Amino acid sequence: MFTSVFKSVFPAGPAPVAGLVTRFTLALAARRQRQALARLDDAALRDIGLDRASAEAECRRAAWDVPAHWLK
């Protein structure tokens, strides 16, 4: 039964599922990194070359909005 449901949802096979898992994993990583960025103080942000406004703008991005080079 699972096979028939799987084939009806993903007719092209497991590749789309792998792509979804990859995108989900990348979204979680981006969320985790942006949360860590939000916790940095101004001195730490200066150390990595960012100001508070840039860090806050990055933190407001959606979790699924990841850099294009992550998707290659």
PDB file of N, CA and C in Angstrom:
ATOM      1  N   MET A   1       0.813  -1.190   0.000  1.00  0.00           N
ATOM      2  CA  MET A   1       0.000   0.000   0.000  1.00  0.00           C
ATOM      3  C   MET A   1       0.863   1.262   0.000  1.00  0.00           C
ATOM      4  N   PHE A   2       1.897   1.271   0.845  1.00  0.00           N
ATOM      5  CA  PHE A   2       2.758   2.445   0.903  1.00  0.00           C
ATOM      6  C   PHE A   2       3.367   2.734  -0.461  1.00  0.00           C
ATOM      7  N   THR A   3       3.764   1.702  -1.172  1.00  0.00           N
ATOM      8  CA  THR A   3       4.391   1.882  -2.474  1.00  0.00           C
ATOM      9  C   THR A   3       3.439   2.567  -3.440  1.00  0.00           C
ATOM     10  N   SER A   4       2.189   2.156  -3.467  1.00  0.00           N
ATOM     11  CA  SER A   4       1.245   2.780  -4.398  1.00  0.00           C
ATOM     12  C   SER A   4       0.974   4.235  -4.022  1.00  0.00           C
ATOM     13  N   VAL A   5       0.891   4.526  -2.730  1.00  0.00           N
ATOM     14  CA  VAL A   5       0.693   5.910  -2.294  1.00  0.00           C
ATOM     15  C   VAL A   5       1.920   6.730  -2.656  1.00  0.00           C
ATOM     16  N   PHE A   6       3.091   6.176  -2.386  1.00  0.00           N
ATOM     17  CA  PHE A   6       4.346   6.866  -2.694  1.00  0.00           C
ATOM     18  C   PHE A   6       4.435   7.173  -4.175  1.00  0.00           C
ATOM     19  N   LYS A   7       4.113   6.191  -5.014  1.00  0.00           N
ATOM     20  CA  LYS A   7       4.181   6.401  -6.464  1.00  0.00           C
ATOM     21  C   LYS A   7       3.144   7.413  -6.944  1.00  0.00           C
ATOM     22  N   SER A   8       1.997   7.470  -6.288  1.00  0.00           N
ATOM     23  CA  SER A   8       0.998   8.451  -6.713  1.00  0.00           C
ATOM     24  C   SER A   8       1.397   9.867  -6.299  1.00  0.00           C
ATOM     25  N   VAL A   9       2.091   9.990  -5.175  1.00  0.00           N
ATOM     26  CA  VAL A   9       2.514  11.311  -4.720  1.00  0.00           C
ATOM     27  C   VAL A   9       3.799  11.744  -5.419  1.00  0.00           C
ATOM     28  N   PHE A  10       4.710  10.797  -5.620  1.00  0.00           N
ATOM     29  CA  PHE A  10       6.003  11.081  -6.241  1.00  0.00           C
ATOM     30  C   PHE A  10       6.207  10.161  -7.449  1.00  0.00           C
ATOM     31  N   PRO A  11       5.531  10.450  -8.562  1.00  0.00           N
ATOM     32  CA  PRO A  11       5.603   9.555  -9.712  1.00  0.00           C
ATOM     33  C   PRO A  11       6.993   9.437 -10.319  1.00  0.00           C
ATOM     34  N   ALA A  12       7.862  10.414 -10.096  1.00  0.00           N
ATOM     35  CA  ALA A  12       9.199  10.361 -10.689  1.00  0.00           C
ATOM     36  C   ALA A  12      10.149   9.489  -9.879  1.00  0.00           C
ATOM     37  N   GLY A  13       9.715   8.966  -8.756  1.00  0.00           N
ATOM     38  CA  GLY A  13      10.580   8.128  -7.933  1.00  0.00           C
ATOM     39  C   GLY A  13      11.105   8.863  -6.718  1.00  0.00           C
ATOM     40  N   PRO A  14      12.143   8.310  -6.105  1.00  0.00           N
ATOM     41  CA  PRO A  14      12.625   8.858  -4.840  1.00  0.00           C
ATOM     42  C   PRO A  14      13.403  10.166  -4.960  1.00  0.00           C
ATOM     43  N   ALA A  15      13.815  10.561  -6.148  1.00  0.00           N
ATOM     44  CA  ALA A  15      14.608  11.784  -6.302  1.00  0.00           C
ATOM     45  C   ALA A  15      13.905  13.023  -5.740  1.00  0.00           C
ATOM     46  N   PRO A  16      12.605  13.223  -6.004  1.00  0.00           N
ATOM     47  CA  PRO A  16      11.954  14.393  -5.418  1.00  0.00           C
ATOM     48  C   PRO A  16      11.948  14.359  -3.889  1.00  0.00           C
ATOM     49  N   VAL A  17      11.825  13.175  -3.317  1.00  0.00           N
ATOM     50  CA  VAL A  17      11.835  13.052  -1.868  1.00  0.00           C
ATOM     51  C   VAL A  17      13.198  13.456  -1.331  1.00  0.00           C
ATOM     52  N   ALA A  18      14.249  13.002  -1.976  1.00  0.00           N
ATOM     53  CA  ALA A  18      15.600  13.371  -1.551  1.00  0.00           C
ATOM     54  C   ALA A  18      15.779  14.881  -1.643  1.00  0.00           C
ATOM     55  N   GLY A  19      15.240  15.487  -2.675  1.00  0.00           N
ATOM     56  CA  GLY A  19      15.321  16.932  -2.825  1.00  0.00           C
ATOM     57  C   GLY A  19      14.576  17.661  -1.720  1.00  0.00           C
ATOM     58  N   LEU A  20      13.416  17.145  -1.343  1.00  0.00           N
ATOM     59  CA  LEU A  20      12.654  17.752  -0.259  1.00  0.00           C
ATOM     60  C   LEU A  20      13.387  17.620   1.067  1.00  0.00           C
ATOM     61  N   VAL A  21      13.970  16.468   1.298  1.00  0.00           N
ATOM     62  CA  VAL A  21      14.726  16.255   2.540  1.00  0.00           C
ATOM     63  C   VAL A  21      15.922  17.198   2.582  1.00  0.00           C
ATOM     64  N   THR A  22      16.598  17.350   1.464  1.00  0.00           N
ATOM     65  CA  THR A  22      17.738  18.263   1.396  1.00  0.00           C
ATOM     66  C   THR A  22      17.303  19.693   1.677  1.00  0.00           C
ATOM     67  N   ARG A  23      16.228  20.133   1.035  1.00  0.00           N
ATOM     68  CA  ARG A  23      15.741  21.502   1.255  1.00  0.00           C
ATOM     69  C   ARG A  23      15.328  21.714   2.709  1.00  0.00           C
ATOM     70  N   PHE A  24      14.675  20.732   3.292  1.00  0.00           N
ATOM     71  CA  PHE A  24      14.258  20.833   4.688  1.00  0.00           C
ATOM     72  C   PHE A  24      15.480  20.916   5.605  1.00  0.00           C
ATOM     73  N   THR A  25      16.483  20.105   5.341  1.00  0.00           N
ATOM     74  CA  THR A  25      17.710  20.126   6.137  1.00  0.00           C
ATOM     75  C   THR A  25      18.413  21.475   6.014  1.00  0.00           C
ATOM     76  N   LEU A  26      18.472  22.020   4.812  1.00  0.00           N
ATOM     77  CA  LEU A  26      19.084  23.333   4.606  1.00  0.00           C
ATOM     78  C   LEU A  26      18.303  24.429   5.327  1.00  0.00           C
ATOM     79  N   ALA A  27      16.975  24.335   5.297  1.00  0.00           N
ATOM     80  CA  ALA A  27      16.151  25.327   5.990  1.00  0.00           C
ATOM     81  C   ALA A  27      16.397  25.282   7.494  1.00  0.00           C
ATOM     82  N   LEU A  28      16.522  24.084   8.044  1.00  0.00           N
ATOM     83  CA  LEU A  28      16.816  23.963   9.471  1.00  0.00           C
ATOM     84  C   LEU A  28      18.191  24.543   9.807  1.00  0.00           C
ATOM     85  N   ALA A  29      19.164  24.278   8.947  1.00  0.00           N
ATOM     86  CA  ALA A  29      20.511  24.814   9.176  1.00  0.00           C
ATOM     87  C   ALA A  29      20.503  26.337   9.113  1.00  0.00           C
ATOM     88  N   ALA A  30      19.800  26.894   8.150  1.00  0.00           N
ATOM     89  CA  ALA A  30      19.720  28.356   8.029  1.00  0.00           C
ATOM     90  C   ALA A  30      19.042  28.951   9.253  1.00  0.00           C
ATOM     91  N   ARG A  31      17.980  28.325   9.711  1.00  0.00           N
ATOM     92  CA  ARG A  31      17.272  28.819  10.900  1.00  0.00           C
ATOM     93  C   ARG A  31      18.183  28.801  12.119  1.00  0.00           C
ATOM     94  N   ARG A  32      18.884  27.706  12.295  1.00  0.00           N
ATOM     95  CA  ARG A  32      19.799  27.567  13.433  1.00  0.00           C
ATOM     96  C   ARG A  32      20.915  28.619  13.380  1.00  0.00           C
ATOM     97  N   GLN A  33      21.476  28.839  12.200  1.00  0.00           N
ATOM     98  CA  GLN A  33      22.547  29.821  12.056  1.00  0.00           C
ATOM     99  C   GLN A  33      22.036  31.242  12.279  1.00  0.00           C
ATOM    100  N   ARG A  34      20.835  31.524  11.809  1.00  0.00           N
ATOM    101  CA  ARG A  34      20.279  32.866  11.995  1.00  0.00           C
ATOM    102  C   ARG A  34      19.920  33.112  13.457  1.00  0.00           C
ATOM    103  N   GLN A  35      19.491  32.090  14.159  1.00  0.00           N
ATOM    104  CA  GLN A  35      19.236  32.237  15.591  1.00  0.00           C
ATOM    105  C   GLN A  35      20.536  32.521  16.336  1.00  0.00           C
ATOM    106  N   ALA A  36      21.606  31.836  15.961  1.00  0.00           N
ATOM    107  CA  ALA A  36      22.906  32.086  16.579  1.00  0.00           C
ATOM    108  C   ALA A  36      23.392  33.496  16.266  1.00  0.00           C
ATOM    109  N   LEU A  37      23.186  33.942  15.053  1.00  0.00           N
ATOM    110  CA  LEU A  37      23.569  35.295  14.664  1.00  0.00           C
ATOM    111  C   LEU A  37      22.816  36.339  15.496  1.00  0.00           C
ATOM    112  N   ALA A  38      21.556  36.089  15.751  1.00  0.00           N
ATOM    113  CA  ALA A  38      20.745  37.029  16.533  1.00  0.00           C
ATOM    114  C   ALA A  38      21.237  37.152  17.972  1.00  0.00           C
ATOM    115  N   ARG A  39      21.888  36.115  18.479  1.00  0.00           N
ATOM    116  CA  ARG A  39      22.378  36.138  19.858  1.00  0.00           C
ATOM    117  C   ARG A  39      23.719  36.839  20.024  1.00  0.00           C
ATOM    118  N   LEU A  40      24.400  37.153  18.923  1.00  0.00           N
ATOM    119  CA  LEU A  40      25.706  37.792  19.016  1.00  0.00           C
ATOM    120  C   LEU A  40      25.575  39.241  19.467  1.00  0.00           C
ATOM    121  N   ASP A  41      26.541  39.685  20.273  1.00  0.00           N
ATOM    122  CA  ASP A  41      26.543  41.098  20.674  1.00  0.00           C
ATOM    123  C   ASP A  41      27.232  41.925  19.581  1.00  0.00           C
ATOM    124  N   ASP A  42      27.209  43.248  19.740  1.00  0.00           N
ATOM    125  CA  ASP A  42      27.745  44.137  18.710  1.00  0.00           C
ATOM    126  C   ASP A  42      29.240  43.919  18.467  1.00  0.00           C
ATOM    127  N   ALA A  43      30.000  43.630  19.515  1.00  0.00           N
ATOM    128  CA  ALA A  43      31.439  43.387  19.358  1.00  0.00           C
ATOM    129  C   ALA A  43      31.687  42.136  18.519  1.00  0.00           C
ATOM    130  N   ALA A  44      30.941  41.076  18.780  1.00  0.00           N
ATOM    131  CA  ALA A  44      31.097  39.840  18.008  1.00  0.00           C
ATOM    132  C   ALA A  44      30.683  40.060  16.551  1.00  0.00           C
ATOM    133  N   LEU A  45      29.632  40.837  16.344  1.00  0.00           N
ATOM    134  CA  LEU A  45      29.207  41.135  14.968  1.00  0.00           C
ATOM    135  C   LEU A  45      30.291  41.910  14.223  1.00  0.00           C
ATOM    136  N   ARG A  46      30.910  42.873  14.891  1.00  0.00           N
ATOM    137  CA  ARG A  46      32.005  43.629  14.255  1.00  0.00           C
ATOM    138  C   ARG A  46      33.155  42.687  13.895  1.00  0.00           C
ATOM    139  N   ASP A  47      33.426  41.711  14.768  1.00  0.00           N
ATOM    140  CA  ASP A  47      34.508  40.753  14.498  1.00  0.00           C
ATOM    141  C   ASP A  47      34.283  39.983  13.203  1.00  0.00           C
ATOM    142  N   ILE A  48      33.034  39.728  12.864  1.00  0.00           N
ATOM    143  CA  ILE A  48      32.750  38.994  11.627  1.00  0.00           C
ATOM    144  C   ILE A  48      32.355  39.911  10.480  1.00  0.00           C
ATOM    145  N   GLY A  49      32.480  41.229  10.713  1.00  0.00           N
ATOM    146  CA  GLY A  49      32.268  42.189   9.635  1.00  0.00           C
ATOM    147  C   GLY A  49      30.832  42.578   9.377  1.00  0.00           C
ATOM    148  N   LEU A  50      29.977  42.447  10.381  1.00  0.00           N
ATOM    149  CA  LEU A  50      28.568  42.822  10.223  1.00  0.00           C
ATOM    150  C   LEU A  50      28.198  43.903  11.223  1.00  0.00           C
ATOM    151  N   ASP A  51      27.186  44.681  10.866  1.00  0.00           N
ATOM    152  CA  ASP A  51      26.618  45.603  11.836  1.00  0.00           C
ATOM    153  C   ASP A  51      25.269  45.034  12.287  1.00  0.00           C
ATOM    154  N   ARG A  52      24.692  45.628  13.305  1.00  0.00           N
ATOM    155  CA  ARG A  52      23.440  45.119  13.875  1.00  0.00           C
ATOM    156  C   ARG A  52      22.315  45.105  12.842  1.00  0.00           C
ATOM    157  N   ALA A  53      22.223  46.137  12.016  1.00  0.00           N
ATOM    158  CA  ALA A  53      21.144  46.211  11.012  1.00  0.00           C
ATOM    159  C   ALA A  53      21.247  45.075   9.998  1.00  0.00           C
ATOM    160  N   SER A  54      22.463  44.777   9.551  1.00  0.00           N
ATOM    161  CA  SER A  54      22.654  43.681   8.589  1.00  0.00           C
ATOM    162  C   SER A  54      22.310  42.338   9.223  1.00  0.00           C
ATOM    163  N   ALA A  55      22.714  42.156  10.466  1.00  0.00           N
ATOM    164  CA  ALA A  55      22.418  40.904  11.167  1.00  0.00           C
ATOM    165  C   ALA A  55      20.908  40.733  11.352  1.00  0.00           C
ATOM    166  N   GLU A  56      20.236  41.806  11.731  1.00  0.00           N
ATOM    167  CA  GLU A  56      18.788  41.725  11.914  1.00  0.00           C
ATOM    168  C   GLU A  56      18.068  41.457  10.596  1.00  0.00           C
ATOM    169  N   ALA A  57      18.555  42.043   9.520  1.00  0.00           N
ATOM    170  CA  ALA A  57      17.956  41.784   8.204  1.00  0.00           C
ATOM    171  C   ALA A  57      18.122  40.312   7.830  1.00  0.00           C
ATOM    172  N   GLU A  58      19.286  39.754   8.094  1.00  0.00           N
ATOM    173  CA  GLU A  58      19.524  38.339   7.808  1.00  0.00           C
ATOM    174  C   GLU A  58      18.618  37.458   8.668  1.00  0.00           C
ATOM    175  N   CYS A  59      18.446  37.823   9.915  1.00  0.00           N
ATOM    176  CA  CYS A  59      17.617  37.036  10.832  1.00  0.00           C
ATOM    177  C   CYS A  59      16.140  37.063  10.457  1.00  0.00           C
ATOM    178  N   ARG A  60      15.701  38.094   9.765  1.00  0.00           N
ATOM    179  CA  ARG A  60      14.294  38.193   9.353  1.00  0.00           C
ATOM    180  C   ARG A  60      13.988  37.367   8.108  1.00  0.00           C
ATOM    181  N   ARG A  61      15.011  36.900   7.407  1.00  0.00           N
ATOM    182  CA  ARG A  61      14.770  36.100   6.200  1.00  0.00           C
ATOM    183  C   ARG A  61      14.066  34.798   6.564  1.00  0.00           C
ATOM    184  N   ALA A  62      13.281  34.301   5.647  1.00  0.00           N
ATOM    185  CA  ALA A  62      12.574  33.039   5.860  1.00  0.00           C
ATOM    186  C   ALA A  62      13.565  31.883   5.927  1.00  0.00           C
ATOM    187  N   ALA A  63      13.218  30.861   6.675  1.00  0.00           N
ATOM    188  CA  ALA A  63      14.119  29.717   6.855  1.00  0.00           C
ATOM    189  C   ALA A  63      14.457  29.055   5.525  1.00  0.00           C
ATOM    190  N   TRP A  64      13.512  29.019   4.597  1.00  0.00           N
ATOM    191  CA  TRP A  64      13.762  28.356   3.313  1.00  0.00           C
ATOM    192  C   TRP A  64      14.519  29.248   2.334  1.00  0.00           C
ATOM    193  N   ASP A  65      14.757  30.491   2.700  1.00  0.00           N
ATOM    194  CA  ASP A  65      15.499  31.426   1.851  1.00  0.00           C
ATOM    195  C   ASP A  65      16.992  31.244   2.142  1.00  0.00           C
ATOM    196  N   VAL A  66      17.591  30.278   1.449  1.00  0.00           N
ATOM    197  CA  VAL A  66      19.005  29.974   1.669  1.00  0.00           C
ATOM    198  C   VAL A  66      19.817  30.467   0.484  1.00  0.00           C
ATOM    199  N   PRO A  67      21.118  30.680   0.679  1.00  0.00           N
ATOM    200  CA  PRO A  67      21.972  31.118  -0.434  1.00  0.00           C
ATOM    201  C   PRO A  67      21.936  30.109  -1.589  1.00  0.00           C
ATOM    202  N   ALA A  68      21.986  30.622  -2.774  1.00  0.00           N
ATOM    203  CA  ALA A  68      21.898  29.765  -3.981  1.00  0.00           C
ATOM    204  C   ALA A  68      23.013  28.730  -4.027  1.00  0.00           C
ATOM    205  N   HIS A  69      24.212  29.084  -3.542  1.00  0.00           N
ATOM    206  CA  HIS A  69      25.308  28.118  -3.625  1.00  0.00           C
ATOM    207  C   HIS A  69      25.112  26.929  -2.682  1.00  0.00           C
ATOM    208  N   TRP A  70      24.199  27.015  -1.734  1.00  0.00           N
ATOM    209  CA  TRP A  70      23.872  25.865  -0.878  1.00  0.00           C
ATOM    210  C   TRP A  70      23.094  24.810  -1.658  1.00  0.00           C
ATOM    211  N   LEU A  71      22.445  25.208  -2.726  1.00  0.00           N
ATOM    212  CA  LEU A  71      21.568  24.309  -3.459  1.00  0.00           C
ATOM    213  C   LEU A  71      22.273  23.534  -4.560  1.00  0.00           C
ATOM    214  N   LYS A  72      23.551  23.769  -4.745  1.00  0.00           N
ATOM    215  CA  LYS A  72      24.278  23.082  -5.818  1.00  0.00           C
ATOM    216  C   LYS A  72      24.836  21.775  -5.350  1.00  0.00           C
TER     217      LYS A  72
END
